[in-house]
Protein backbone atom coordinates (compact mmCIF):
# COMPACT_ATOMS: atom_id res chain seq x y z
CA MET A 1 0.00 0.00 0.00
CA ARG A 2 1.19 3.52 -0.76
CA TYR A 3 0.84 6.00 2.09
CA LEU A 4 -0.28 9.31 0.64
CA ILE A 5 0.25 12.39 2.78
CA ASP A 6 -2.47 15.01 2.34
CA ALA A 7 -1.22 17.65 -0.16
CA GLU A 8 -2.41 20.55 2.00
CA PHE A 9 -0.60 19.04 4.99
CA ARG A 10 2.69 18.85 3.08
CA LYS A 11 2.31 22.39 1.71
CA ALA A 12 1.54 23.91 5.13
CA LYS A 13 4.38 21.99 6.73
CA ARG A 14 6.86 23.39 4.23
CA GLU A 15 5.57 26.94 4.64
CA ASP A 16 5.39 27.03 8.45
CA PRO A 17 6.55 23.83 10.19
CA ARG A 18 6.35 25.42 13.64
CA ARG A 19 2.64 26.22 13.56
CA MET A 20 0.98 23.16 12.12
CA VAL A 21 -2.55 22.78 13.39
CA PHE A 22 -4.61 20.25 11.46
CA PRO A 23 -8.11 18.96 12.13
CA TYR A 24 -7.40 15.28 11.49
CA ALA A 25 -7.69 14.18 15.12
CA ALA A 26 -10.75 16.34 15.80
CA ASN A 27 -12.47 15.18 12.62
CA LEU A 28 -11.86 11.54 13.46
CA ARG A 29 -13.09 12.04 17.03
CA ARG A 30 -16.25 13.63 15.65
CA GLU A 31 -16.83 10.78 13.19
CA LEU A 32 -16.32 8.13 15.88
CA SER A 33 -18.66 9.98 18.24
CA ASP A 34 -21.41 10.10 15.61
CA ARG A 35 -20.94 6.43 14.73
CA ASN A 36 -20.97 5.32 18.34
CA ILE A 37 -24.03 7.33 19.32
CA ARG A 38 -25.89 5.48 16.57
CA TRP A 39 -24.24 2.18 17.58
CA ALA A 40 -25.06 2.52 21.27
CA ILE A 41 -28.67 3.61 20.79
CA GLY A 42 -29.38 1.26 17.89
CA ASN A 43 -28.10 -1.79 19.78
CA GLY A 44 -29.40 -0.80 23.21
CA HIS A 45 -25.94 -0.75 24.84
CA ALA A 46 -25.52 0.68 28.33
CA HIS A 47 -23.71 3.97 27.84
CA GLU A 48 -23.37 7.63 28.71
CA ILE A 49 -22.51 10.54 26.43
CA SER A 50 -19.98 13.07 27.67
CA MET A 51 -20.39 16.82 27.59
CA GLY A 52 -18.44 19.04 25.21
CA LYS A 53 -18.29 20.06 21.56
CA VAL A 54 -17.25 16.56 20.50
CA PRO A 55 -18.97 14.23 22.97
CA ALA A 56 -17.55 10.78 23.57
CA VAL A 57 -19.64 7.69 24.15
CA LEU A 58 -18.58 5.84 27.30
CA TYR A 59 -19.97 2.34 27.53
CA ARG A 60 -20.32 0.14 30.57
CA GLU A 61 -20.89 -3.54 31.15
CA ASP A 62 -24.58 -4.41 31.39
CA GLU A 63 -26.34 -6.97 33.57
CA PHE A 64 -25.80 -9.66 30.92
CA GLY A 65 -22.03 -9.22 30.87
CA ASN A 66 -21.93 -7.40 27.52
CA HIS A 67 -19.98 -4.23 26.84
CA GLY A 68 -20.85 -2.02 23.87
CA ASN A 69 -17.26 -1.02 23.19
CA PHE A 70 -16.27 -4.61 22.42
CA LEU A 71 -17.36 -7.43 20.18
CA PRO A 72 -19.06 -9.96 22.52
CA ALA A 73 -16.71 -12.87 21.74
CA THR A 74 -13.69 -10.65 22.33
CA TYR A 75 -15.03 -9.23 25.59
CA ARG A 76 -15.78 -12.69 27.00
CA LEU A 77 -12.24 -13.83 26.26
CA ILE A 78 -10.77 -10.67 27.81
CA ARG A 79 -12.77 -11.27 30.97
CA GLN A 80 -11.57 -14.87 31.11
CA THR A 81 -7.89 -13.88 30.79
CA PRO A 82 -6.62 -12.20 33.99
CA ASP A 83 -3.72 -10.29 32.41
CA TRP A 84 -6.02 -8.86 29.75
CA SER A 85 -8.87 -8.16 32.14
CA ARG A 86 -6.60 -6.02 34.31
CA ARG A 87 -6.08 -3.73 31.32
CA LEU A 88 -9.77 -2.81 31.51
CA SER A 89 -9.20 -1.09 34.85
CA LYS A 90 -7.17 1.84 33.42
CA VAL A 91 -8.74 4.97 34.90
CA HIS A 92 -10.46 7.49 32.63
CA THR A 93 -8.88 10.67 33.95
CA SER A 94 -11.49 13.13 32.67
CA ALA A 95 -14.72 11.16 33.20
CA ARG A 96 -15.53 12.90 36.48
CA ARG A 97 -15.40 16.28 34.70
CA SER A 98 -16.93 15.37 31.35
CA LEU A 99 -19.87 13.17 32.40
CA GLN A 100 -23.07 14.57 33.84
CA SER A 101 -23.10 11.66 36.27
CA HIS A 102 -19.51 12.55 37.37
CA ASP A 103 -19.05 8.79 37.59
CA PRO A 104 -15.51 8.03 38.86
CA GLY A 105 -15.97 4.38 37.93
CA ARG A 106 -15.63 4.94 34.20
CA ARG A 107 -12.50 3.51 32.62
CA GLU A 108 -10.35 4.59 29.68
CA LEU A 109 -11.31 1.56 27.63
CA ASP A 110 -15.00 2.42 28.03
CA SER A 111 -14.52 5.31 25.60
CA CYS A 112 -15.34 5.04 21.92
CA HIS A 113 -12.14 7.06 21.25
CA SER A 114 -9.83 4.60 23.03
CA SER A 115 -7.05 3.18 20.85
CA ASP A 116 -6.39 0.55 23.56
CA ALA A 117 -9.97 -0.68 23.27
CA LEU A 118 -9.62 -0.94 19.50
CA LEU A 119 -6.32 -2.80 19.87
CA MET A 120 -7.88 -5.31 22.27
CA ASN A 121 -10.96 -5.70 20.09
CA VAL A 122 -8.67 -6.94 17.35
CA PHE A 123 -5.91 -8.90 19.07
CA CYS A 124 -8.02 -10.50 21.81
CA HIS A 125 -10.50 -11.87 19.28
CA PRO A 126 -10.54 -15.68 19.61
CA ASP A 127 -9.87 -16.28 15.90
CA ILE A 128 -7.34 -13.55 15.21
CA LEU A 129 -4.06 -15.45 15.37
CA SER A 130 -5.47 -18.53 13.74
CA THR A 131 -6.06 -16.40 10.63
CA PRO A 132 -3.11 -16.95 8.23
CA ALA A 133 -3.62 -13.57 6.51
CA VAL A 134 -3.16 -11.76 9.83
CA ARG A 135 -0.03 -13.69 10.82
CA GLU A 136 1.47 -13.10 7.39
CA LEU A 137 0.68 -9.38 7.48
CA ILE A 138 2.32 -8.73 10.84
CA GLY A 139 4.93 -11.49 10.65
CA VAL A 140 4.23 -13.50 13.79
CA ASP A 141 3.91 -17.21 14.43
CA ALA A 142 0.76 -19.05 15.43
CA GLY A 143 0.26 -19.51 19.15
CA VAL A 144 1.78 -16.23 20.36
CA GLN A 145 -0.25 -14.31 22.94
CA PRO A 146 -0.46 -10.51 23.16
CA VAL A 147 1.05 -8.80 26.19
CA PHE A 148 -0.53 -5.39 26.82
CA GLY A 149 1.29 -2.53 28.53
CA TYR A 150 4.73 -4.06 27.92
CA ARG A 151 7.67 -2.32 29.65
CA PRO A 152 10.94 -2.97 27.77
CA GLY A 153 13.15 -1.04 30.22
CA VAL A 154 15.03 1.30 27.88
CA PRO A 155 18.65 1.87 29.08
CA LEU A 156 19.56 5.28 30.51
CA SER A 157 23.00 6.88 30.65
CA ASN A 158 23.19 6.39 34.42
CA GLY A 159 22.94 2.62 34.11
CA GLN A 160 19.28 2.47 35.10
CA ARG A 161 16.27 1.73 32.91
CA ASP A 162 13.19 3.82 32.26
CA CYS A 163 9.51 2.92 32.70
CA THR A 164 8.44 3.35 29.06
CA GLU A 165 5.25 1.42 28.33
CA ILE A 166 4.47 0.16 24.83
CA ASP A 167 0.89 -0.76 24.04
CA MET A 168 1.47 -4.37 23.03
CA LEU A 169 4.12 -7.04 22.55
CA LEU A 170 3.13 -9.80 20.15
CA GLY A 171 5.84 -12.37 19.61
CA ASP A 172 8.87 -10.29 18.59
CA LEU A 173 6.74 -7.30 17.53
CA LEU A 174 6.31 -4.18 19.66
CA ILE A 175 3.18 -2.24 18.67
CA GLU A 176 2.19 1.33 19.52
CA ALA A 177 -1.45 1.89 18.60
CA LYS A 178 -3.01 5.26 17.84
CA LEU A 179 -6.49 6.42 16.93
CA THR A 180 -7.65 9.92 17.98
CA GLU A 181 -4.61 10.98 20.02
CA TYR A 182 -3.40 14.38 18.88
CA ASP A 183 0.29 13.47 18.55
CA PHE A 184 3.10 11.26 19.80
CA GLN A 185 3.77 13.56 22.77
CA THR A 186 6.29 16.36 23.20
CA ALA A 187 8.87 16.67 25.97
CA PRO A 188 11.82 18.81 27.08
CA CYS A 189 15.03 17.77 25.35
CA ARG A 190 16.59 16.94 28.70
CA LEU A 191 14.33 13.89 28.86
CA ILE A 192 15.64 12.31 25.66
CA GLU A 193 19.20 13.26 26.60
CA ARG A 194 18.94 10.78 29.50
CA TYR A 195 19.02 7.82 27.11
CA ARG A 196 22.25 5.89 26.71
CA ASP A 197 21.88 5.15 22.99
CA LEU A 198 20.36 8.40 21.75
CA SER A 199 23.29 9.60 19.64
CA ASP A 200 24.03 6.09 18.35
CA VAL A 201 20.48 5.69 17.08
CA PHE A 202 19.43 9.15 15.90
CA ASP A 203 20.83 11.97 13.81
CA ILE A 204 19.83 14.62 16.37
CA ASP A 205 19.79 17.37 13.73
CA LEU A 206 16.94 15.57 11.97
CA LEU A 207 14.69 15.41 15.02
CA ASP A 208 11.96 18.03 15.35
CA ILE A 209 13.30 20.19 18.18
CA GLN A 210 11.90 23.66 18.79
CA LYS A 211 12.95 25.82 21.75
CA ALA A 212 14.42 22.84 23.63
CA VAL A 213 11.23 20.80 23.15
CA VAL A 214 11.28 17.63 21.06
CA SER A 215 8.33 16.23 19.15
CA SER A 216 7.35 12.55 18.95
CA TYR A 217 8.95 11.75 22.30
CA GLN A 218 6.93 8.55 22.53
CA LEU A 219 8.30 7.28 19.22
CA ILE A 220 11.89 8.14 20.12
CA ARG A 221 11.64 6.04 23.28
CA SER A 222 10.07 3.14 21.39
CA VAL A 223 12.77 3.14 18.70
CA LEU A 224 15.41 3.17 21.45
CA ALA A 225 13.64 0.15 22.97
CA ALA A 226 13.87 -1.73 19.67
CA TYR A 227 17.57 -0.84 19.40
CA ALA A 228 18.26 -2.14 22.91
CA LEU A 229 16.40 -5.37 22.07
CA PRO A 230 17.90 -6.55 18.76
CA SER A 231 15.44 -9.42 18.51
CA ARG A 232 12.46 -7.06 18.51
CA ARG A 233 10.67 -5.15 15.75
CA PHE A 234 8.60 -2.00 16.29
CA CYS A 235 5.40 -1.05 14.49
CA VAL A 236 3.18 2.02 14.62
CA LEU A 237 -0.45 1.05 14.08
CA CYS A 238 -2.61 4.04 13.20
CA ASP A 239 -5.54 5.16 11.10
CA ARG A 240 -5.20 6.00 7.43
CA ARG A 241 -7.30 9.08 8.18
CA ARG A 242 -4.37 10.45 10.25
CA PRO A 243 -1.75 11.60 7.71
CA ASP A 244 -0.27 13.81 10.44
CA LEU A 245 0.68 10.77 12.54
CA ILE A 246 1.94 8.89 9.50
CA ASP A 247 4.15 11.83 8.57
CA ALA A 248 5.47 12.16 12.13
CA TRP A 249 6.47 8.49 12.15
CA TYR A 250 8.28 8.75 8.82
CA CYS A 251 10.15 11.81 10.08
CA ILE A 252 11.40 9.78 13.05
CA MET A 253 12.40 6.85 10.83
CA THR A 254 14.34 9.25 8.60
CA ALA A 255 16.42 10.30 11.61
CA VAL A 256 17.40 6.70 12.50
CA LYS A 257 21.04 6.01 11.62
CA PRO A 258 21.56 2.20 11.87
CA TYR A 259 20.29 0.56 8.70
CA ASP A 260 19.50 -2.74 10.38
CA LEU A 261 17.32 -0.92 12.90
CA ARG A 262 15.43 0.88 10.15
CA CYS A 263 14.62 -2.52 8.69
CA ARG A 264 12.93 -3.45 11.97
CA LEU A 265 10.64 -0.40 11.97
CA GLN A 266 7.32 -0.39 10.20
CA LEU A 267 3.95 1.25 9.78
CA LEU A 268 0.60 -0.50 9.54
CA THR A 269 -2.81 1.11 9.23
CA TRP A 270 -5.98 -0.17 10.84
CA GLN A 271 -7.47 -0.28 7.34
CA GLU A 272 -4.74 -2.62 6.08
CA LEU A 273 -5.25 -4.83 9.11
CA ALA A 274 -9.03 -4.82 8.64
CA ALA A 275 -8.58 -6.36 5.19
CA ALA A 276 -7.01 -9.47 6.77
CA LEU A 277 -9.44 -9.94 9.67
CA PRO A 278 -12.30 -12.46 10.03
CA ALA A 279 -15.47 -11.16 8.35
CA LYS A 280 -17.53 -10.69 11.53
CA LEU A 281 -14.80 -8.64 13.17
CA THR A 282 -14.34 -6.57 10.02
CA ASP A 283 -18.07 -5.81 9.91
CA PHE A 284 -17.99 -4.70 13.55
CA LEU A 285 -14.99 -2.43 12.98
CA GLY A 286 -16.52 -1.00 9.84
CA GLU A 287 -19.76 0.00 11.53
CA LYS A 288 -18.31 1.20 14.82
CA TYR A 289 -15.01 2.73 13.69
CA GLY A 290 -15.49 3.32 9.97
CA LEU A 291 -12.55 1.03 9.24
CA LEU A 292 -13.12 0.22 5.61
CA ARG A 293 -10.75 -2.14 3.90
CA ALA A 294 -7.71 -0.35 2.49
CA THR A 295 -7.31 -0.23 -1.28
CA ASP A 296 -4.39 1.00 -3.39
């Protein structure tokens, strides 16, 4: 598949790279909100709609053990797997402010905008890794089990290791999943300067650094994790409707110096993945997330 960066995005980036504000994240949040309001009401799922210009749908488990943010077969398997079930307890930090109920019991994966929920919908599905097309696409063997919230322990200059968390480890593949997040995080340069292998891995002059603040901090840490673990690959999994995130990832890959490391870095879109999934799961993702099969 060819990844096409929006022409207006490229033009604006060339003209004023320091003041790029694009509506891709907001537009996708709005689309997912509209889809999920229809999904929740049409299917009678227990839910609440947040306040704000772009309201989010937050689902909750009903009395029958169903959860509107997940395909039923996937949710049952998550509940039956303790390590996966614990992931459901991640706190939704803004629910108390954004819900009329001020319910502190809402969780991050209850939200229709959650990339973690989408990731688990796919990779916790009971048939996912028995599907040859999926294994071939992502390059993993049958029988591997996803590990969510994996901490690789990236080496620091002081001999210690950091607490970087990557969304999922699947076999030898580290995956960072994105959906409606606005970017890959920014941070003061002093934070990336802590890492032992920074200058070995990156051409610092090619990183996006403005006024001692570096962009795509999350990606830099993840690439450093892959470098420190030579047996691992790293993949960004994001939406084709987010050319801003795709461009940010390619900018980071351009700054990577070791050729063998570049060969272990990749990009996959949800749409490409959807084309390889079992039909029932694809239908669910198409209706709820608008994930149509990618075409060239």
